[in-house]
Amino acid sequence: MLVLTRRANESILIGDDITVTILGVTPGGVRIGVDAPQDKRINRAEIVVAVGDENQQAVQSSSDDAAAGALLKAIGTRAGTT
């Protein structure tokens, strides 16, 4: 990880087309501005992690439901044949 010290109104460049500017520093946090092409996706990391976690839970729930359905179908088939 590259660590840089910047003050308000100072910037860093990422590649040729992304500029990150420090807009202000307060006790509550740092305000940054990102100037990037519209085709670049910019997301807050905690949102990406939360969406990934929700997707994993949905997949797990879906596979649990499928497994339960298969089990009930197998049990129902056996009950019908015996």
C-alpha atoms as a PDB file:
ATOM      1  CA  MET A   1       0.000   0.000   0.000  1.00  0.00           C
ATOM      2  CA  LEU A   2       1.289   3.422  -0.923  1.00  0.00           C
ATOM      3  CA  VAL A   3       0.793   5.973   1.866  1.00  0.00           C
ATOM      4  CA  LEU A   4       0.874   9.663   0.967  1.00  0.00           C
ATOM      5  CA  THR A   5       0.485  12.795   3.045  1.00  0.00           C
ATOM      6  CA  ARG A   6      -1.703  15.452   1.438  1.00  0.00           C
ATOM      7  CA  ARG A   7      -3.248  18.672   2.703  1.00  0.00           C
ATOM      8  CA  ALA A   8      -6.520  20.308   1.704  1.00  0.00           C
ATOM      9  CA  ASN A   9      -6.613  21.233  -1.992  1.00  0.00           C
ATOM     10  CA  GLU A  10      -3.718  18.898  -2.828  1.00  0.00           C
ATOM     11  CA  SER A  11      -4.181  16.009  -5.246  1.00  0.00           C
ATOM     12  CA  ILE A  12      -2.759  12.691  -6.320  1.00  0.00           C
ATOM     13  CA  LEU A  13      -2.976  11.230  -9.797  1.00  0.00           C
ATOM     14  CA  ILE A  14      -3.790   7.603 -10.545  1.00  0.00           C
ATOM     15  CA  GLY A  15      -2.758   6.733 -14.053  1.00  0.00           C
ATOM     16  CA  ASP A  16      -3.477   9.367 -16.667  1.00  0.00           C
ATOM     17  CA  ASP A  17      -7.170   9.819 -16.029  1.00  0.00           C
ATOM     18  CA  ILE A  18      -7.986   9.734 -12.290  1.00  0.00           C
ATOM     19  CA  THR A  19      -7.364  12.605  -9.878  1.00  0.00           C
ATOM     20  CA  VAL A  20      -8.054  12.353  -6.146  1.00  0.00           C
ATOM     21  CA  THR A  21      -8.196  15.725  -4.374  1.00  0.00           C
ATOM     22  CA  ILE A  22      -8.333  16.338  -0.631  1.00  0.00           C
ATOM     23  CA  LEU A  23     -11.216  18.779  -0.184  1.00  0.00           C
ATOM     24  CA  GLY A  24     -11.038  19.153   3.577  1.00  0.00           C
ATOM     25  CA  VAL A  25      -9.868  17.582   6.801  1.00  0.00           C
ATOM     26  CA  THR A  26     -12.036  17.680   9.932  1.00  0.00           C
ATOM     27  CA  PRO A  27     -11.968  15.808  13.238  1.00  0.00           C
ATOM     28  CA  GLY A  28     -14.771  13.635  11.836  1.00  0.00           C
ATOM     29  CA  GLY A  29     -13.006  12.592   8.663  1.00  0.00           C
ATOM     30  CA  VAL A  30     -11.475  13.551   5.363  1.00  0.00           C
ATOM     31  CA  ARG A  31     -13.493  14.809   2.400  1.00  0.00           C
ATOM     32  CA  ILE A  32     -12.081  13.720  -0.930  1.00  0.00           C
ATOM     33  CA  GLY A  33     -13.088  14.380  -4.495  1.00  0.00           C
ATOM     34  CA  VAL A  34     -12.485  11.899  -7.283  1.00  0.00           C
ATOM     35  CA  ASP A  35     -12.325  13.035 -10.887  1.00  0.00           C
ATOM     36  CA  ALA A  36     -12.453   9.991 -13.157  1.00  0.00           C
ATOM     37  CA  PRO A  37     -13.932   8.973 -16.513  1.00  0.00           C
ATOM     38  CA  GLN A  38     -17.566   7.956 -16.368  1.00  0.00           C
ATOM     39  CA  ASP A  39     -16.727   4.394 -17.415  1.00  0.00           C
ATOM     40  CA  LYS A  40     -14.753   3.862 -14.168  1.00  0.00           C
ATOM     41  CA  ARG A  41     -16.799   2.453 -11.306  1.00  0.00           C
ATOM     42  CA  ILE A  42     -16.124   4.133  -7.965  1.00  0.00           C
ATOM     43  CA  ASN A  43     -17.676   2.554  -4.882  1.00  0.00           C
ATOM     44  CA  ARG A  44     -17.245   2.837  -1.138  1.00  0.00           C
ATOM     45  CA  ALA A  45     -15.465  -0.284   0.093  1.00  0.00           C
ATOM     46  CA  GLU A  46     -17.944  -0.957   2.921  1.00  0.00           C
ATOM     47  CA  ILE A  47     -20.827  -0.970   0.424  1.00  0.00           C
ATOM     48  CA  VAL A  48     -19.034  -3.436  -1.859  1.00  0.00           C
ATOM     49  CA  VAL A  49     -18.340  -5.719   1.125  1.00  0.00           C
ATOM     50  CA  ALA A  50     -21.953  -5.483   2.349  1.00  0.00           C
ATOM     51  CA  VAL A  51     -23.354  -6.303  -1.105  1.00  0.00           C
ATOM     52  CA  GLY A  52     -20.943  -9.241  -1.425  1.00  0.00           C
ATOM     53  CA  ASP A  53     -22.016 -10.556   1.982  1.00  0.00           C
ATOM     54  CA  GLU A  54     -25.700 -10.221   1.055  1.00  0.00           C
ATOM     55  CA  ASN A  55     -25.075 -12.042  -2.232  1.00  0.00           C
ATOM     56  CA  GLN A  56     -23.298 -14.879  -0.401  1.00  0.00           C
ATOM     57  CA  GLN A  57     -26.206 -15.169   2.038  1.00  0.00           C
ATOM     58  CA  ALA A  58     -28.698 -15.217  -0.844  1.00  0.00           C
ATOM     59  CA  VAL A  59     -26.752 -17.968  -2.617  1.00  0.00           C
ATOM     60  CA  GLN A  60     -26.498 -19.975   0.601  1.00  0.00           C
ATOM     61  CA  SER A  61     -30.201 -19.521   1.310  1.00  0.00           C
ATOM     62  CA  SER A  62     -31.060 -20.490  -2.257  1.00  0.00           C
ATOM     63  CA  SER A  63     -28.928 -23.635  -2.123  1.00  0.00           C
ATOM     64  CA  ASP A  64     -30.368 -24.485   1.320  1.00  0.00           C
ATOM     65  CA  ASP A  65     -33.886 -24.107  -0.124  1.00  0.00           C
ATOM     66  CA  ALA A  66     -32.967 -26.286  -3.102  1.00  0.00           C
ATOM     67  CA  ALA A  67     -31.491 -28.945  -0.825  1.00  0.00           C
ATOM     68  CA  ALA A  68     -34.565 -28.882   1.421  1.00  0.00           C
ATOM     69  CA  GLY A  69     -36.823 -29.156  -1.640  1.00  0.00           C
ATOM     70  CA  ALA A  70     -34.860 -32.115  -2.970  1.00  0.00           C
ATOM     71  CA  LEU A  71     -35.013 -33.799   0.428  1.00  0.00           C
ATOM     72  CA  LEU A  72     -38.781 -33.237   0.704  1.00  0.00           C
ATOM     73  CA  LYS A  73     -39.237 -34.528  -2.827  1.00  0.00           C
ATOM     74  CA  ALA A  74     -37.196 -37.651  -2.027  1.00  0.00           C
ATOM     75  CA  ILE A  75     -39.122 -38.229   1.189  1.00  0.00           C
ATOM     76  CA  GLY A  76     -42.430 -37.659  -0.596  1.00  0.00           C
ATOM     77  CA  THR A  77     -41.460 -40.078  -3.366  1.00  0.00           C
ATOM     78  CA  ARG A  78     -40.512 -42.762  -0.882  1.00  0.00           C
ATOM     79  CA  ALA A  79     -43.669 -42.223   1.122  1.00  0.00           C
ATOM     80  CA  GLY A  80     -45.725 -42.563  -2.046  1.00  0.00           C
ATOM     81  CA  THR A  81     -44.035 -45.824  -3.080  1.00  0.00           C
ATOM     82  CA  THR A  82     -44.077 -47.614   0.235  1.00  0.00           C
END
